[in-house]
Amino acid sequence: MNTHPLKRNFANFSEYKKIITLADYAKENKLSHSNLINKANRQTIEAFLEKNIWKIGV
């Protein structure tokens, strides 16, 4: 099964962080959504895919 690394650890990840969509995170922090998606794909930010929606823990 080929899953995103943080998706495999979702249970542990969600225990200590609030989970929001990457789009909401971008709006709250005045960042480019496409830039964040690229960073998520490169795994330079702690984001994960859930049902084809990028999410991040804050």
PDB file of N, CA and C in Angstrom:
ATOM      1  N   MET A   1       0.845  -1.193   0.000  1.00  0.00           N
ATOM      2  CA  MET A   1       0.000   0.000   0.000  1.00  0.00           C
ATOM      3  C   MET A   1       0.881   1.243   0.000  1.00  0.00           C
ATOM      4  N   ASN A   2       0.681   2.103  -0.952  1.00  0.00           N
ATOM      5  CA  ASN A   2       1.495   3.293  -1.095  1.00  0.00           C
ATOM      6  C   ASN A   2       0.736   4.495  -0.542  1.00  0.00           C
ATOM      7  N   THR A   3       1.006   4.848   0.700  1.00  0.00           N
ATOM      8  CA  THR A   3       0.323   5.983   1.324  1.00  0.00           C
ATOM      9  C   THR A   3       1.339   7.036   1.712  1.00  0.00           C
ATOM     10  N   HIS A   4       0.864   8.227   1.872  1.00  0.00           N
ATOM     11  CA  HIS A   4       1.708   9.327   2.300  1.00  0.00           C
ATOM     12  C   HIS A   4       2.241   9.020   3.700  1.00  0.00           C
ATOM     13  N   PRO A   5       3.512   9.309   3.983  1.00  0.00           N
ATOM     14  CA  PRO A   5       4.095   8.952   5.284  1.00  0.00           C
ATOM     15  C   PRO A   5       3.310   9.457   6.489  1.00  0.00           C
ATOM     16  N   LEU A   6       2.825  10.697   6.442  1.00  0.00           N
ATOM     17  CA  LEU A   6       2.080  11.199   7.595  1.00  0.00           C
ATOM     18  C   LEU A   6       0.695  10.595   7.690  1.00  0.00           C
ATOM     19  N   LYS A   7       0.150  10.136   6.579  1.00  0.00           N
ATOM     20  CA  LYS A   7      -1.153   9.462   6.602  1.00  0.00           C
ATOM     21  C   LYS A   7      -1.059   8.187   7.430  1.00  0.00           C
ATOM     22  N   ARG A   8       0.073   7.477   7.319  1.00  0.00           N
ATOM     23  CA  ARG A   8       0.261   6.246   8.081  1.00  0.00           C
ATOM     24  C   ARG A   8       0.289   6.522   9.580  1.00  0.00           C
ATOM     25  N   ASN A   9       0.738   7.709   9.962  1.00  0.00           N
ATOM     26  CA  ASN A   9       0.855   8.053  11.374  1.00  0.00           C
ATOM     27  C   ASN A   9      -0.257   8.992  11.821  1.00  0.00           C
ATOM     28  N   PHE A  10      -1.371   8.993  11.118  1.00  0.00           N
ATOM     29  CA  PHE A  10      -2.453   9.940  11.394  1.00  0.00           C
ATOM     30  C   PHE A  10      -2.950   9.850  12.829  1.00  0.00           C
ATOM     31  N   ALA A  11      -3.086   8.652  13.377  1.00  0.00           N
ATOM     32  CA  ALA A  11      -3.597   8.493  14.745  1.00  0.00           C
ATOM     33  C   ALA A  11      -2.700   9.218  15.735  1.00  0.00           C
ATOM     34  N   ASN A  12      -1.414   9.036  15.618  1.00  0.00           N
ATOM     35  CA  ASN A  12      -0.480   9.712  16.514  1.00  0.00           C
ATOM     36  C   ASN A  12      -0.451  11.208  16.241  1.00  0.00           C
ATOM     37  N   PHE A  13      -0.501  11.584  14.975  1.00  0.00           N
ATOM     38  CA  PHE A  13      -0.416  12.976  14.567  1.00  0.00           C
ATOM     39  C   PHE A  13      -1.590  13.783  15.107  1.00  0.00           C
ATOM     40  N   SER A  14      -2.787  13.210  15.057  1.00  0.00           N
ATOM     41  CA  SER A  14      -3.986  13.948  15.427  1.00  0.00           C
ATOM     42  C   SER A  14      -4.181  14.050  16.933  1.00  0.00           C
ATOM     43  N   GLU A  15      -3.406  13.309  17.720  1.00  0.00           N
ATOM     44  CA  GLU A  15      -3.580  13.338  19.168  1.00  0.00           C
ATOM     45  C   GLU A  15      -3.199  14.675  19.783  1.00  0.00           C
ATOM     46  N   TYR A  16      -2.235  15.367  19.189  1.00  0.00           N
ATOM     47  CA  TYR A  16      -1.725  16.572  19.828  1.00  0.00           C
ATOM     48  C   TYR A  16      -1.854  17.828  18.976  1.00  0.00           C
ATOM     49  N   LYS A  17      -2.508  17.748  17.840  1.00  0.00           N
ATOM     50  CA  LYS A  17      -2.654  18.920  16.986  1.00  0.00           C
ATOM     51  C   LYS A  17      -4.078  19.042  16.468  1.00  0.00           C
ATOM     52  N   LYS A  18      -4.490  20.294  16.241  1.00  0.00           N
ATOM     53  CA  LYS A  18      -5.776  20.550  15.593  1.00  0.00           C
ATOM     54  C   LYS A  18      -5.565  20.375  14.092  1.00  0.00           C
ATOM     55  N   ILE A  19      -6.435  19.620  13.442  1.00  0.00           N
ATOM     56  CA  ILE A  19      -6.307  19.330  12.016  1.00  0.00           C
ATOM     57  C   ILE A  19      -7.203  20.277  11.221  1.00  0.00           C
ATOM     58  N   ILE A  20      -6.603  20.997  10.260  1.00  0.00           N
ATOM     59  CA  ILE A  20      -7.359  21.879   9.363  1.00  0.00           C
ATOM     60  C   ILE A  20      -6.903  21.619   7.929  1.00  0.00           C
ATOM     61  N   THR A  21      -7.694  22.076   6.972  1.00  0.00           N
ATOM     62  CA  THR A  21      -7.294  21.904   5.572  1.00  0.00           C
ATOM     63  C   THR A  21      -6.145  22.857   5.254  1.00  0.00           C
ATOM     64  N   LEU A  22      -5.378  22.486   4.259  1.00  0.00           N
ATOM     65  CA  LEU A  22      -4.260  23.323   3.840  1.00  0.00           C
ATOM     66  C   LEU A  22      -4.765  24.659   3.296  1.00  0.00           C
ATOM     67  N   ALA A  23      -5.941  24.652   2.670  1.00  0.00           N
ATOM     68  CA  ALA A  23      -6.529  25.894   2.153  1.00  0.00           C
ATOM     69  C   ALA A  23      -6.847  26.856   3.297  1.00  0.00           C
ATOM     70  N   ASP A  24      -7.424  26.341   4.384  1.00  0.00           N
ATOM     71  CA  ASP A  24      -7.723  27.185   5.547  1.00  0.00           C
ATOM     72  C   ASP A  24      -6.439  27.702   6.187  1.00  0.00           C
ATOM     73  N   TYR A  25      -5.436  26.833   6.264  1.00  0.00           N
ATOM     74  CA  TYR A  25      -4.142  27.227   6.827  1.00  0.00           C
ATOM     75  C   TYR A  25      -3.531  28.358   5.997  1.00  0.00           C
ATOM     76  N   ALA A  26      -3.633  28.242   4.674  1.00  0.00           N
ATOM     77  CA  ALA A  26      -3.097  29.270   3.782  1.00  0.00           C
ATOM     78  C   ALA A  26      -3.804  30.609   4.006  1.00  0.00           C
ATOM     79  N   LYS A  27      -5.127  30.578   4.144  1.00  0.00           N
ATOM     80  CA  LYS A  27      -5.892  31.810   4.372  1.00  0.00           C
ATOM     81  C   LYS A  27      -5.525  32.450   5.706  1.00  0.00           C
ATOM     82  N   GLU A  28      -5.452  31.633   6.759  1.00  0.00           N
ATOM     83  CA  GLU A  28      -5.147  32.148   8.097  1.00  0.00           C
ATOM     84  C   GLU A  28      -3.759  32.768   8.168  1.00  0.00           C
ATOM     85  N   ASN A  29      -2.820  32.215   7.409  1.00  0.00           N
ATOM     86  CA  ASN A  29      -1.429  32.663   7.481  1.00  0.00           C
ATOM     87  C   ASN A  29      -0.990  33.478   6.271  1.00  0.00           C
ATOM     88  N   LYS A  30      -1.966  33.850   5.419  1.00  0.00           N
ATOM     89  CA  LYS A  30      -1.706  34.663   4.221  1.00  0.00           C
ATOM     90  C   LYS A  30      -0.562  34.084   3.388  1.00  0.00           C
ATOM     91  N   LEU A  31      -0.686  32.785   3.080  1.00  0.00           N
ATOM     92  CA  LEU A  31       0.296  32.079   2.269  1.00  0.00           C
ATOM     93  C   LEU A  31      -0.369  31.569   0.997  1.00  0.00           C
ATOM     94  N   SER A  32       0.440  31.275   0.011  1.00  0.00           N
ATOM     95  CA  SER A  32      -0.064  30.731  -1.246  1.00  0.00           C
ATOM     96  C   SER A  32      -0.446  29.264  -1.064  1.00  0.00           C
ATOM     97  N   HIS A  33      -1.693  28.936  -1.432  1.00  0.00           N
ATOM     98  CA  HIS A  33      -2.165  27.557  -1.314  1.00  0.00           C
ATOM     99  C   HIS A  33      -1.350  26.627  -2.208  1.00  0.00           C
ATOM    100  N   SER A  34      -1.069  27.044  -3.432  1.00  0.00           N
ATOM    101  CA  SER A  34      -0.299  26.193  -4.351  1.00  0.00           C
ATOM    102  C   SER A  34       1.127  25.974  -3.844  1.00  0.00           C
ATOM    103  N   ASN A  35       1.703  26.993  -3.229  1.00  0.00           N
ATOM    104  CA  ASN A  35       3.038  26.854  -2.646  1.00  0.00           C
ATOM    105  C   ASN A  35       3.021  25.820  -1.524  1.00  0.00           C
ATOM    106  N   LEU A  36       1.989  25.853  -0.690  1.00  0.00           N
ATOM    107  CA  LEU A  36       1.885  24.887   0.404  1.00  0.00           C
ATOM    108  C   LEU A  36       1.676  23.469  -0.117  1.00  0.00           C
ATOM    109  N   ILE A  37       0.912  23.317  -1.184  1.00  0.00           N
ATOM    110  CA  ILE A  37       0.718  21.986  -1.771  1.00  0.00           C
ATOM    111  C   ILE A  37       2.050  21.442  -2.286  1.00  0.00           C
ATOM    112  N   ASN A  38       2.837  22.302  -2.931  1.00  0.00           N
ATOM    113  CA  ASN A  38       4.157  21.872  -3.400  1.00  0.00           C
ATOM    114  C   ASN A  38       5.037  21.449  -2.230  1.00  0.00           C
ATOM    115  N   LYS A  39       5.010  22.214  -1.145  1.00  0.00           N
ATOM    116  CA  LYS A  39       5.796  21.857   0.037  1.00  0.00           C
ATOM    117  C   LYS A  39       5.311  20.548   0.645  1.00  0.00           C
ATOM    118  N   ALA A  40       4.012  20.340   0.629  1.00  0.00           N
ATOM    119  CA  ALA A  40       3.454  19.093   1.160  1.00  0.00           C
ATOM    120  C   ALA A  40       3.908  17.906   0.315  1.00  0.00           C
ATOM    121  N   ASN A  41       3.894  18.068  -0.992  1.00  0.00           N
ATOM    122  CA  ASN A  41       4.356  16.996  -1.881  1.00  0.00           C
ATOM    123  C   ASN A  41       5.833  16.685  -1.675  1.00  0.00           C
ATOM    124  N   ARG A  42       6.623  17.718  -1.391  1.00  0.00           N
ATOM    125  CA  ARG A  42       8.050  17.518  -1.134  1.00  0.00           C
ATOM    126  C   ARG A  42       8.315  17.096   0.309  1.00  0.00           C
ATOM    127  N   GLN A  43       7.255  17.089   1.134  1.00  0.00           N
ATOM    128  CA  GLN A  43       7.311  16.711   2.545  1.00  0.00           C
ATOM    129  C   GLN A  43       8.203  17.651   3.358  1.00  0.00           C
ATOM    130  N   THR A  44       8.187  18.943   3.013  1.00  0.00           N
ATOM    131  CA  THR A  44       8.928  19.923   3.794  1.00  0.00           C
ATOM    132  C   THR A  44       8.033  20.593   4.832  1.00  0.00           C
ATOM    133  N   ILE A  45       6.737  20.288   4.799  1.00  0.00           N
ATOM    134  CA  ILE A  45       5.818  20.681   5.868  1.00  0.00           C
ATOM    135  C   ILE A  45       5.067  19.433   6.313  1.00  0.00           C
ATOM    136  N   GLU A  46       4.555  19.459   7.525  1.00  0.00           N
ATOM    137  CA  GLU A  46       3.859  18.299   8.086  1.00  0.00           C
ATOM    138  C   GLU A  46       2.403  18.274   7.636  1.00  0.00           C
ATOM    139  N   ALA A  47       2.199  17.983   6.376  1.00  0.00           N
ATOM    140  CA  ALA A  47       0.846  17.891   5.824  1.00  0.00           C
ATOM    141  C   ALA A  47       0.611  16.466   5.348  1.00  0.00           C
ATOM    142  N   PHE A  48      -0.657  16.105   5.213  1.00  0.00           N
ATOM    143  CA  PHE A  48      -1.005  14.756   4.778  1.00  0.00           C
ATOM    144  C   PHE A  48      -2.284  14.808   3.960  1.00  0.00           C
ATOM    145  N   LEU A  49      -2.476  13.784   3.159  1.00  0.00           N
ATOM    146  CA  LEU A  49      -3.683  13.658   2.345  1.00  0.00           C
ATOM    147  C   LEU A  49      -4.707  12.797   3.067  1.00  0.00           C
ATOM    148  N   GLU A  50      -5.948  13.283   3.092  1.00  0.00           N
ATOM    149  CA  GLU A  50      -7.054  12.501   3.631  1.00  0.00           C
ATOM    150  C   GLU A  50      -8.214  12.657   2.656  1.00  0.00           C
ATOM    151  N   LYS A  51      -8.594  11.571   2.002  1.00  0.00           N
ATOM    152  CA  LYS A  51      -9.654  11.589   0.984  1.00  0.00           C
ATOM    153  C   LYS A  51      -9.374  12.650  -0.081  1.00  0.00           C
ATOM    154  N   ASN A  52      -8.131  12.683  -0.541  1.00  0.00           N
ATOM    155  CA  ASN A  52      -7.661  13.612  -1.578  1.00  0.00           C
ATOM    156  C   ASN A  52      -7.752  15.080  -1.183  1.00  0.00           C
ATOM    157  N   ILE A  53      -7.745  15.376   0.104  1.00  0.00           N
ATOM    158  CA  ILE A  53      -7.725  16.751   0.602  1.00  0.00           C
ATOM    159  C   ILE A  53      -6.493  16.901   1.486  1.00  0.00           C
ATOM    160  N   TRP A  54      -5.662  17.891   1.152  1.00  0.00           N
ATOM    161  CA  TRP A  54      -4.474  18.130   1.965  1.00  0.00           C
ATOM    162  C   TRP A  54      -4.878  18.750   3.297  1.00  0.00           C
ATOM    163  N   LYS A  55      -4.312  18.231   4.376  1.00  0.00           N
ATOM    164  CA  LYS A  55      -4.587  18.742   5.716  1.00  0.00           C
ATOM    165  C   LYS A  55      -3.275  18.903   6.462  1.00  0.00           C
ATOM    166  N   ILE A  56      -3.317  19.722   7.507  1.00  0.00           N
ATOM    167  CA  ILE A  56      -2.128  20.000   8.300  1.00  0.00           C
ATOM    168  C   ILE A  56      -2.531  20.128   9.762  1.00  0.00           C
ATOM    169  N   GLY A  57      -1.636  19.776  10.632  1.00  0.00           N
ATOM    170  CA  GLY A  57      -1.862  19.929  12.068  1.00  0.00           C
ATOM    171  C   GLY A  57      -1.253  21.227  12.559  1.00  0.00           C
ATOM    172  N   VAL A  58      -2.028  21.984  13.310  1.00  0.00           N
ATOM    173  CA  VAL A  58      -1.532  23.256  13.859  1.00  0.00           C
ATOM    174  C   VAL A  58      -1.648  23.259  15.362  1.00  0.00           C
TER     175      VAL A  58
END
